[in-house]
Structure formats: structure tokens, C-alpha cells
N, C-alpha and C. Protein backbone atom coordinates (compact mmCIF):
# COMPACT_ATOMS: atom_id res chain seq x y z
N MET A 1 2.08 -5.56 -4.77
CA MET A 1 1.77 -6.67 -3.88
C MET A 1 2.87 -7.72 -3.97
N GLU A 2 2.98 -8.46 -2.89
CA GLU A 2 3.99 -9.50 -2.84
C GLU A 2 3.55 -10.74 -3.60
N SER A 3 4.53 -11.51 -4.04
CA SER A 3 4.24 -12.77 -4.72
C SER A 3 3.81 -13.81 -3.68
N THR A 4 3.23 -14.91 -4.15
CA THR A 4 2.82 -15.96 -3.23
C THR A 4 4.03 -16.54 -2.49
N GLU A 5 5.16 -16.61 -3.16
CA GLU A 5 6.38 -17.12 -2.51
C GLU A 5 6.83 -16.18 -1.39
N GLU A 6 6.79 -14.89 -1.64
CA GLU A 6 7.16 -13.91 -0.60
C GLU A 6 6.19 -13.97 0.57
N ILE A 7 4.93 -14.19 0.28
CA ILE A 7 3.92 -14.30 1.34
C ILE A 7 4.18 -15.54 2.19
N ARG A 8 4.53 -16.65 1.56
CA ARG A 8 4.86 -17.87 2.32
C ARG A 8 6.05 -17.63 3.25
N LYS A 9 7.07 -16.97 2.74
CA LYS A 9 8.24 -16.67 3.57
C LYS A 9 7.87 -15.75 4.73
N LYS A 10 7.02 -14.76 4.45
CA LYS A 10 6.58 -13.84 5.50
C LYS A 10 5.83 -14.58 6.59
N ILE A 11 4.94 -15.49 6.19
CA ILE A 11 4.17 -16.25 7.17
C ILE A 11 5.10 -17.08 8.05
N ALA A 12 6.06 -17.75 7.43
CA ALA A 12 7.02 -18.55 8.21
C ALA A 12 7.78 -17.66 9.19
N ARG A 13 8.22 -16.49 8.73
CA ARG A 13 8.96 -15.56 9.59
C ARG A 13 8.10 -15.07 10.74
N LEU A 14 6.84 -14.69 10.45
CA LEU A 14 5.95 -14.18 11.49
C LEU A 14 5.62 -15.25 12.53
N ILE A 15 5.42 -16.46 12.07
CA ILE A 15 5.14 -17.57 13.00
C ILE A 15 6.34 -17.75 13.93
N ASN A 16 7.52 -17.75 13.37
CA ASN A 16 8.74 -17.90 14.16
C ASN A 16 8.92 -16.73 15.13
N GLU A 17 8.74 -15.50 14.65
CA GLU A 17 8.91 -14.31 15.49
C GLU A 17 7.96 -14.29 16.68
N ARG A 18 6.79 -14.86 16.51
CA ARG A 18 5.79 -14.84 17.57
C ARG A 18 5.89 -16.08 18.48
N GLY A 19 6.92 -16.89 18.25
CA GLY A 19 7.14 -18.06 19.09
C GLY A 19 6.12 -19.17 18.87
N LEU A 20 5.53 -19.18 17.69
CA LEU A 20 4.53 -20.19 17.36
C LEU A 20 5.17 -21.28 16.51
N ASN A 21 4.40 -22.29 16.16
CA ASN A 21 4.90 -23.32 15.25
C ASN A 21 3.82 -23.64 14.23
N PHE A 22 4.22 -24.25 13.12
CA PHE A 22 3.31 -24.54 12.03
C PHE A 22 2.13 -25.41 12.49
N ALA A 23 2.43 -26.44 13.26
CA ALA A 23 1.38 -27.37 13.69
C ALA A 23 0.33 -26.66 14.55
N GLY A 24 0.79 -25.88 15.51
CA GLY A 24 -0.14 -25.17 16.39
C GLY A 24 -0.99 -24.17 15.63
N VAL A 25 -0.39 -23.47 14.70
CA VAL A 25 -1.13 -22.48 13.91
C VAL A 25 -2.13 -23.20 13.01
N SER A 26 -1.74 -24.31 12.43
CA SER A 26 -2.66 -25.09 11.58
C SER A 26 -3.90 -25.48 12.36
N LEU A 27 -3.70 -26.00 13.55
CA LEU A 27 -4.82 -26.41 14.38
C LEU A 27 -5.67 -25.21 14.81
N ALA A 28 -5.00 -24.08 15.09
CA ALA A 28 -5.71 -22.87 15.53
C ALA A 28 -6.63 -22.31 14.45
N ILE A 29 -6.30 -22.54 13.19
CA ILE A 29 -7.16 -22.05 12.11
C ILE A 29 -8.14 -23.14 11.64
N GLY A 30 -8.17 -24.25 12.39
CA GLY A 30 -9.15 -25.29 12.09
C GLY A 30 -8.76 -26.26 10.99
N LYS A 31 -7.48 -26.38 10.75
CA LYS A 31 -7.00 -27.29 9.70
C LYS A 31 -6.19 -28.42 10.31
N ASN A 32 -5.79 -29.39 9.46
CA ASN A 32 -4.98 -30.49 9.96
C ASN A 32 -3.60 -29.99 10.35
N ILE A 33 -2.91 -30.78 11.11
CA ILE A 33 -1.65 -30.38 11.73
C ILE A 33 -0.57 -29.96 10.72
N ALA A 34 -0.65 -30.45 9.49
CA ALA A 34 0.39 -30.17 8.49
C ALA A 34 0.00 -29.06 7.51
N TYR A 35 -1.17 -28.47 7.66
CA TYR A 35 -1.68 -27.51 6.66
C TYR A 35 -0.71 -26.35 6.40
N ILE A 36 -0.30 -25.64 7.43
CA ILE A 36 0.58 -24.48 7.25
C ILE A 36 1.94 -24.90 6.72
N GLN A 37 2.47 -26.02 7.22
CA GLN A 37 3.77 -26.49 6.72
C GLN A 37 3.68 -26.80 5.23
N GLN A 38 2.61 -27.46 4.82
CA GLN A 38 2.45 -27.76 3.39
C GLN A 38 2.29 -26.49 2.57
N PHE A 39 1.57 -25.51 3.11
CA PHE A 39 1.39 -24.25 2.40
C PHE A 39 2.73 -23.53 2.26
N VAL A 40 3.47 -23.41 3.35
CA VAL A 40 4.74 -22.66 3.35
C VAL A 40 5.82 -23.39 2.55
N LYS A 41 5.98 -24.67 2.79
CA LYS A 41 7.11 -25.40 2.20
C LYS A 41 6.83 -25.96 0.80
N ASN A 42 5.58 -26.38 0.57
CA ASN A 42 5.26 -27.03 -0.71
C ASN A 42 4.40 -26.17 -1.63
N GLY A 43 3.90 -25.06 -1.11
CA GLY A 43 3.04 -24.20 -1.93
C GLY A 43 1.67 -24.79 -2.19
N SER A 44 1.22 -25.65 -1.27
CA SER A 44 -0.10 -26.27 -1.43
C SER A 44 -0.93 -26.04 -0.16
N PRO A 45 -2.04 -25.39 -0.29
CA PRO A 45 -2.67 -24.87 -1.49
C PRO A 45 -1.90 -23.66 -2.04
N ARG A 46 -2.22 -23.30 -3.26
CA ARG A 46 -1.52 -22.17 -3.88
C ARG A 46 -1.75 -20.88 -3.10
N ARG A 47 -3.00 -20.68 -2.68
CA ARG A 47 -3.36 -19.54 -1.84
C ARG A 47 -4.18 -20.05 -0.67
N LEU A 48 -4.11 -19.33 0.43
CA LEU A 48 -4.95 -19.67 1.58
C LEU A 48 -6.40 -19.36 1.25
N GLY A 49 -7.30 -20.18 1.77
CA GLY A 49 -8.72 -19.88 1.63
C GLY A 49 -9.07 -18.63 2.42
N GLU A 50 -10.20 -18.03 2.10
CA GLU A 50 -10.58 -16.78 2.74
C GLU A 50 -10.68 -16.91 4.26
N ILE A 51 -11.30 -17.97 4.71
CA ILE A 51 -11.49 -18.17 6.15
C ILE A 51 -10.16 -18.42 6.84
N GLU A 52 -9.33 -19.26 6.25
CA GLU A 52 -8.02 -19.56 6.83
C GLU A 52 -7.14 -18.31 6.86
N ARG A 53 -7.20 -17.53 5.79
CA ARG A 53 -6.40 -16.30 5.73
C ARG A 53 -6.83 -15.31 6.82
N ARG A 54 -8.14 -15.18 7.00
CA ARG A 54 -8.64 -14.25 8.02
C ARG A 54 -8.20 -14.69 9.41
N LYS A 55 -8.35 -15.99 9.71
CA LYS A 55 -7.95 -16.51 11.01
C LYS A 55 -6.45 -16.35 11.22
N LEU A 56 -5.67 -16.65 10.19
CA LEU A 56 -4.22 -16.54 10.29
C LEU A 56 -3.79 -15.09 10.53
N ALA A 57 -4.44 -14.16 9.85
CA ALA A 57 -4.12 -12.73 10.04
C ALA A 57 -4.38 -12.32 11.48
N GLN A 58 -5.44 -12.82 12.08
CA GLN A 58 -5.75 -12.51 13.47
C GLN A 58 -4.68 -13.09 14.40
N ILE A 59 -4.29 -14.33 14.15
CA ILE A 59 -3.28 -14.98 14.98
C ILE A 59 -1.94 -14.26 14.88
N LEU A 60 -1.57 -13.87 13.66
CA LEU A 60 -0.27 -13.23 13.44
C LEU A 60 -0.30 -11.72 13.68
N ARG A 61 -1.50 -11.19 13.92
CA ARG A 61 -1.69 -9.76 14.19
C ARG A 61 -1.18 -8.90 13.03
N VAL A 62 -1.63 -9.26 11.83
CA VAL A 62 -1.30 -8.49 10.64
C VAL A 62 -2.58 -8.22 9.86
N ASP A 63 -2.52 -7.25 8.98
CA ASP A 63 -3.64 -6.99 8.09
C ASP A 63 -3.78 -8.17 7.14
N GLU A 64 -5.02 -8.58 6.92
CA GLU A 64 -5.27 -9.74 6.05
C GLU A 64 -4.69 -9.56 4.65
N GLN A 65 -4.66 -8.34 4.15
CA GLN A 65 -4.13 -8.07 2.81
C GLN A 65 -2.67 -8.50 2.69
N GLU A 66 -1.94 -8.50 3.81
CA GLU A 66 -0.53 -8.91 3.78
C GLU A 66 -0.35 -10.39 3.49
N LEU A 67 -1.43 -11.16 3.58
CA LEU A 67 -1.34 -12.61 3.42
C LEU A 67 -1.89 -13.10 2.09
N THR A 68 -2.09 -12.18 1.14
CA THR A 68 -2.57 -12.58 -0.17
C THR A 68 -1.98 -11.68 -1.25
N ASP A 69 -1.88 -12.26 -2.45
CA ASP A 69 -1.39 -11.49 -3.59
C ASP A 69 -2.55 -10.92 -4.40
N LEU A 70 -3.78 -11.16 -3.94
CA LEU A 70 -4.96 -10.64 -4.63
C LEU A 70 -5.56 -9.49 -3.83
N PRO A 71 -6.13 -8.52 -4.51
CA PRO A 71 -6.79 -7.44 -3.76
C PRO A 71 -8.03 -7.99 -3.06
N LEU A 72 -8.22 -7.60 -1.81
CA LEU A 72 -9.39 -8.05 -1.07
C LEU A 72 -10.58 -7.17 -1.40
N LEU A 73 -11.76 -7.64 -1.02
CA LEU A 73 -12.99 -6.92 -1.32
C LEU A 73 -12.96 -5.50 -0.77
N ALA A 74 -13.44 -4.58 -1.55
CA ALA A 74 -13.58 -3.20 -1.12
C ALA A 74 -14.98 -3.00 -0.59
N PRO A 75 -15.20 -1.92 0.17
CA PRO A 75 -16.55 -1.64 0.64
C PRO A 75 -17.53 -1.58 -0.53
N VAL A 76 -18.75 -2.03 -0.29
CA VAL A 76 -19.76 -2.14 -1.33
C VAL A 76 -20.70 -0.93 -1.30
N ASN A 77 -20.94 -0.33 -2.46
CA ASN A 77 -21.92 0.75 -2.59
C ASN A 77 -21.82 1.80 -1.49
N GLY A 78 -20.61 2.23 -1.20
CA GLY A 78 -20.43 3.26 -0.19
C GLY A 78 -20.83 2.82 1.20
N ALA A 79 -20.81 1.53 1.45
CA ALA A 79 -21.26 1.01 2.75
C ALA A 79 -20.32 1.39 3.87
N GLY A 80 -19.17 1.96 3.55
CA GLY A 80 -18.23 2.35 4.59
C GLY A 80 -17.36 1.19 4.99
N VAL A 81 -17.09 1.08 6.26
CA VAL A 81 -16.20 0.05 6.78
C VAL A 81 -16.89 -1.31 6.71
N ILE A 82 -16.15 -2.29 6.25
CA ILE A 82 -16.69 -3.65 6.16
C ILE A 82 -16.81 -4.24 7.56
N ASN A 83 -17.95 -4.86 7.84
CA ASN A 83 -18.16 -5.56 9.10
C ASN A 83 -17.52 -6.94 8.96
N PRO A 84 -16.41 -7.19 9.66
CA PRO A 84 -15.71 -8.46 9.46
C PRO A 84 -16.54 -9.69 9.84
N GLU A 85 -17.41 -9.57 10.85
CA GLU A 85 -18.23 -10.71 11.23
C GLU A 85 -19.21 -11.06 10.12
N SER A 86 -19.84 -10.05 9.54
CA SER A 86 -20.80 -10.29 8.45
C SER A 86 -20.09 -10.86 7.23
N LEU A 87 -18.93 -10.28 6.89
CA LEU A 87 -18.20 -10.77 5.74
C LEU A 87 -17.74 -12.21 5.96
N SER A 88 -17.27 -12.51 7.16
CA SER A 88 -16.85 -13.88 7.47
C SER A 88 -18.01 -14.85 7.36
N LEU A 89 -19.19 -14.41 7.81
CA LEU A 89 -20.38 -15.24 7.71
C LEU A 89 -20.69 -15.56 6.25
N VAL A 90 -20.65 -14.55 5.41
CA VAL A 90 -20.93 -14.75 3.98
C VAL A 90 -19.91 -15.70 3.37
N ILE A 91 -18.64 -15.46 3.63
CA ILE A 91 -17.57 -16.31 3.08
C ILE A 91 -17.76 -17.75 3.53
N GLU A 92 -18.02 -17.94 4.82
CA GLU A 92 -18.18 -19.29 5.35
C GLU A 92 -19.39 -19.98 4.72
N CYS A 93 -20.50 -19.27 4.57
CA CYS A 93 -21.69 -19.86 3.95
C CYS A 93 -21.42 -20.25 2.49
N VAL A 94 -20.74 -19.38 1.75
CA VAL A 94 -20.43 -19.68 0.36
C VAL A 94 -19.50 -20.88 0.27
N GLU A 95 -18.47 -20.90 1.11
CA GLU A 95 -17.53 -22.03 1.11
C GLU A 95 -18.25 -23.34 1.45
N ASN A 96 -19.11 -23.30 2.48
CA ASN A 96 -19.85 -24.51 2.87
C ASN A 96 -20.79 -24.96 1.76
N TRP A 97 -21.44 -24.00 1.12
CA TRP A 97 -22.35 -24.31 0.03
C TRP A 97 -21.60 -24.98 -1.12
N LEU A 98 -20.45 -24.43 -1.48
CA LEU A 98 -19.65 -25.01 -2.56
C LEU A 98 -19.16 -26.41 -2.18
N ASP A 99 -18.65 -26.54 -0.95
CA ASP A 99 -18.15 -27.84 -0.49
C ASP A 99 -19.24 -28.90 -0.47
N SER A 100 -20.43 -28.54 0.02
CA SER A 100 -21.51 -29.51 0.14
C SER A 100 -21.98 -30.02 -1.22
N ARG A 101 -21.75 -29.23 -2.25
CA ARG A 101 -22.16 -29.62 -3.60
C ARG A 101 -20.97 -30.03 -4.47
N GLN A 102 -19.81 -30.05 -3.86
CA GLN A 102 -18.57 -30.32 -4.58
C GLN A 102 -18.49 -29.47 -5.84
N ALA A 103 -18.87 -28.20 -5.66
CA ALA A 103 -18.91 -27.26 -6.78
C ALA A 103 -17.67 -26.38 -6.78
N LYS A 104 -17.33 -25.90 -7.94
CA LYS A 104 -16.19 -24.99 -8.09
C LYS A 104 -16.68 -23.74 -8.79
N LEU A 105 -16.24 -22.61 -8.30
CA LEU A 105 -16.45 -21.33 -8.98
C LEU A 105 -15.08 -20.74 -9.23
N SER A 106 -14.96 -19.99 -10.30
CA SER A 106 -13.70 -19.29 -10.52
C SER A 106 -13.51 -18.30 -9.38
N PRO A 107 -12.27 -17.92 -9.06
CA PRO A 107 -12.06 -16.93 -8.00
C PRO A 107 -12.86 -15.65 -8.23
N HIS A 108 -12.97 -15.23 -9.48
CA HIS A 108 -13.74 -14.02 -9.79
C HIS A 108 -15.21 -14.21 -9.47
N ASP A 109 -15.80 -15.35 -9.90
CA ASP A 109 -17.21 -15.60 -9.65
C ASP A 109 -17.49 -15.76 -8.16
N LYS A 110 -16.58 -16.43 -7.44
CA LYS A 110 -16.76 -16.58 -6.00
C LYS A 110 -16.70 -15.21 -5.31
N ALA A 111 -15.76 -14.39 -5.69
CA ALA A 111 -15.65 -13.05 -5.10
C ALA A 111 -16.89 -12.22 -5.41
N GLU A 112 -17.41 -12.35 -6.63
CA GLU A 112 -18.60 -11.60 -7.01
C GLU A 112 -19.82 -12.08 -6.21
N LEU A 113 -19.96 -13.38 -6.03
CA LEU A 113 -21.06 -13.91 -5.24
C LEU A 113 -20.97 -13.42 -3.80
N ILE A 114 -19.77 -13.46 -3.24
CA ILE A 114 -19.56 -12.98 -1.87
C ILE A 114 -19.89 -11.49 -1.77
N ARG A 115 -19.43 -10.72 -2.75
CA ARG A 115 -19.68 -9.27 -2.74
C ARG A 115 -21.18 -8.99 -2.79
N LEU A 116 -21.89 -9.67 -3.67
CA LEU A 116 -23.32 -9.45 -3.81
C LEU A 116 -24.08 -9.85 -2.54
N LEU A 117 -23.73 -11.00 -1.98
CA LEU A 117 -24.38 -11.44 -0.74
C LEU A 117 -24.09 -10.47 0.40
N TYR A 118 -22.85 -10.05 0.50
CA TYR A 118 -22.49 -9.09 1.56
C TYR A 118 -23.28 -7.80 1.40
N ALA A 119 -23.41 -7.31 0.18
CA ALA A 119 -24.16 -6.08 -0.07
C ALA A 119 -25.61 -6.23 0.39
N LYS A 120 -26.17 -7.43 0.24
CA LYS A 120 -27.56 -7.66 0.64
C LYS A 120 -27.75 -7.68 2.15
N ILE A 121 -26.71 -8.05 2.91
CA ILE A 121 -26.89 -8.23 4.35
C ILE A 121 -26.09 -7.25 5.21
N CYS A 122 -25.39 -6.31 4.60
CA CYS A 122 -24.45 -5.48 5.36
C CYS A 122 -25.10 -4.64 6.46
N ASN A 123 -26.38 -4.37 6.38
CA ASN A 123 -27.03 -3.58 7.43
C ASN A 123 -27.95 -4.41 8.32
N GLU A 124 -27.75 -5.71 8.34
CA GLU A 124 -28.60 -6.61 9.11
C GLU A 124 -27.91 -7.05 10.39
N THR A 125 -28.70 -7.54 11.35
CA THR A 125 -28.12 -8.17 12.53
C THR A 125 -27.51 -9.49 12.09
N MET A 126 -26.65 -10.05 12.92
CA MET A 126 -25.98 -11.31 12.55
C MET A 126 -27.01 -12.43 12.35
N GLU A 127 -28.03 -12.49 13.18
CA GLU A 127 -29.03 -13.55 13.06
C GLU A 127 -29.81 -13.41 11.74
N THR A 128 -30.26 -12.20 11.47
CA THR A 128 -30.99 -11.95 10.23
C THR A 128 -30.08 -12.17 9.03
N ALA A 129 -28.84 -11.72 9.14
CA ALA A 129 -27.88 -11.87 8.05
C ALA A 129 -27.68 -13.34 7.71
N ALA A 130 -27.54 -14.19 8.72
CA ALA A 130 -27.31 -15.62 8.48
C ALA A 130 -28.49 -16.22 7.71
N GLU A 131 -29.70 -15.87 8.11
CA GLU A 131 -30.88 -16.39 7.41
C GLU A 131 -30.94 -15.87 5.98
N LYS A 132 -30.65 -14.58 5.78
CA LYS A 132 -30.71 -14.01 4.43
C LYS A 132 -29.67 -14.65 3.52
N VAL A 133 -28.46 -14.87 4.03
CA VAL A 133 -27.42 -15.48 3.21
C VAL A 133 -27.88 -16.86 2.74
N LYS A 134 -28.43 -17.64 3.65
CA LYS A 134 -28.91 -18.98 3.28
C LYS A 134 -30.01 -18.88 2.22
N ASP A 135 -30.93 -17.93 2.41
CA ASP A 135 -32.00 -17.74 1.42
C ASP A 135 -31.45 -17.35 0.06
N TYR A 136 -30.50 -16.41 0.03
CA TYR A 136 -29.93 -15.96 -1.24
C TYR A 136 -29.16 -17.08 -1.93
N ILE A 137 -28.47 -17.89 -1.15
CA ILE A 137 -27.73 -19.02 -1.74
C ILE A 137 -28.72 -20.02 -2.35
N ASP A 138 -29.82 -20.28 -1.66
CA ASP A 138 -30.84 -21.18 -2.21
C ASP A 138 -31.40 -20.62 -3.51
N ILE A 139 -31.65 -19.32 -3.54
CA ILE A 139 -32.16 -18.67 -4.76
C ILE A 139 -31.13 -18.81 -5.88
N TYR A 140 -29.86 -18.56 -5.56
CA TYR A 140 -28.79 -18.67 -6.54
C TYR A 140 -28.74 -20.09 -7.12
N GLU A 141 -28.87 -21.07 -6.23
CA GLU A 141 -28.83 -22.47 -6.67
C GLU A 141 -29.99 -22.77 -7.62
N GLU A 142 -31.17 -22.28 -7.31
CA GLU A 142 -32.34 -22.51 -8.16
C GLU A 142 -32.13 -21.84 -9.53
N LEU A 143 -31.59 -20.63 -9.53
CA LEU A 143 -31.32 -19.93 -10.80
C LEU A 143 -30.32 -20.69 -11.65
N LYS A 144 -29.30 -21.27 -11.02
CA LYS A 144 -28.29 -22.04 -11.77
C LYS A 144 -28.94 -23.26 -12.43
N LYS A 145 -29.92 -23.87 -11.77
CA LYS A 145 -30.60 -25.04 -12.35
C LYS A 145 -31.38 -24.64 -13.60
N VAL A 146 -32.00 -23.47 -13.55
CA VAL A 146 -32.82 -23.01 -14.66
C VAL A 146 -31.95 -22.67 -15.86
N ASN A 147 -30.79 -22.06 -15.60
CA ASN A 147 -29.89 -21.66 -16.69
C ASN A 147 -29.07 -22.81 -17.06
């Protein structure tokens, strides 16, 4: 896998090759106008968030794995191909939950929580999946209080 520095250079090159600019791409992924420039030039954040990475991969028309130095989630329990909409829903719910509580999880714990939630909803409709994710997050929060 490439280093984070190589990934930053690749992103800058791909943005340029596609006739895009940092500001426009930043706004397209839902971030402030300087987000991509700060990521590419200053290395901040160290890695793109899951949601930003997914959106950026779509904009640049590359596999999401090309934009990270970490291995991405593999299919769960032989579930076959990952449903990107369901996975994005889980990631977004977990990120929102953490942000709303100003909570931090280690990358490993966050990935494990996402993997477990995805495994629970992978065969559900999007509407049912959204409700189940919220329920599971509430259960997780209650368990954390007890422990």
C-alpha cells in the first residue's frame, strides 16, 4: 500500500488531471473550501474520514482503497459484495453518533463497530437498516454506560 504522502500526491495529481480544483472538490465532498488543500499540502487531517474518502473516490473515479493506507472492510460472514449504500449509512451514523457526543474511538474500535453494525443490517432495506443502526447505536451507548 502507498504511504499517506504518496496518497496526497496522487489525489493532487488526479484532481489536476480531471480539470478540478481543491476548493471545488472540498465543497463537493461537503467540507469547507480549504479542506482538500489542507489535507494535500499540510497533511491535516492525517487521513481522510470514511465518508470524505468515499465521496472523493466517486468524484475522482478511483477505487476507494487507492485513497487510504489502511485496508478497507472486507465482506462480513460471507455476505458477498458489500452494499455501498448500507455501508455508507452505517459509517455516517457512527460518525454522527461520535460527533454528537464528542466521543473518540480508536480506529480499530470504530472499524469493529462499523463492521458489526453492517453485519446486522446487510440484508435489510435502506429504511429498515437506518432504523436498526440507530437502535444498535443506542444499545451500544447504554452498554458503555453500564461498563
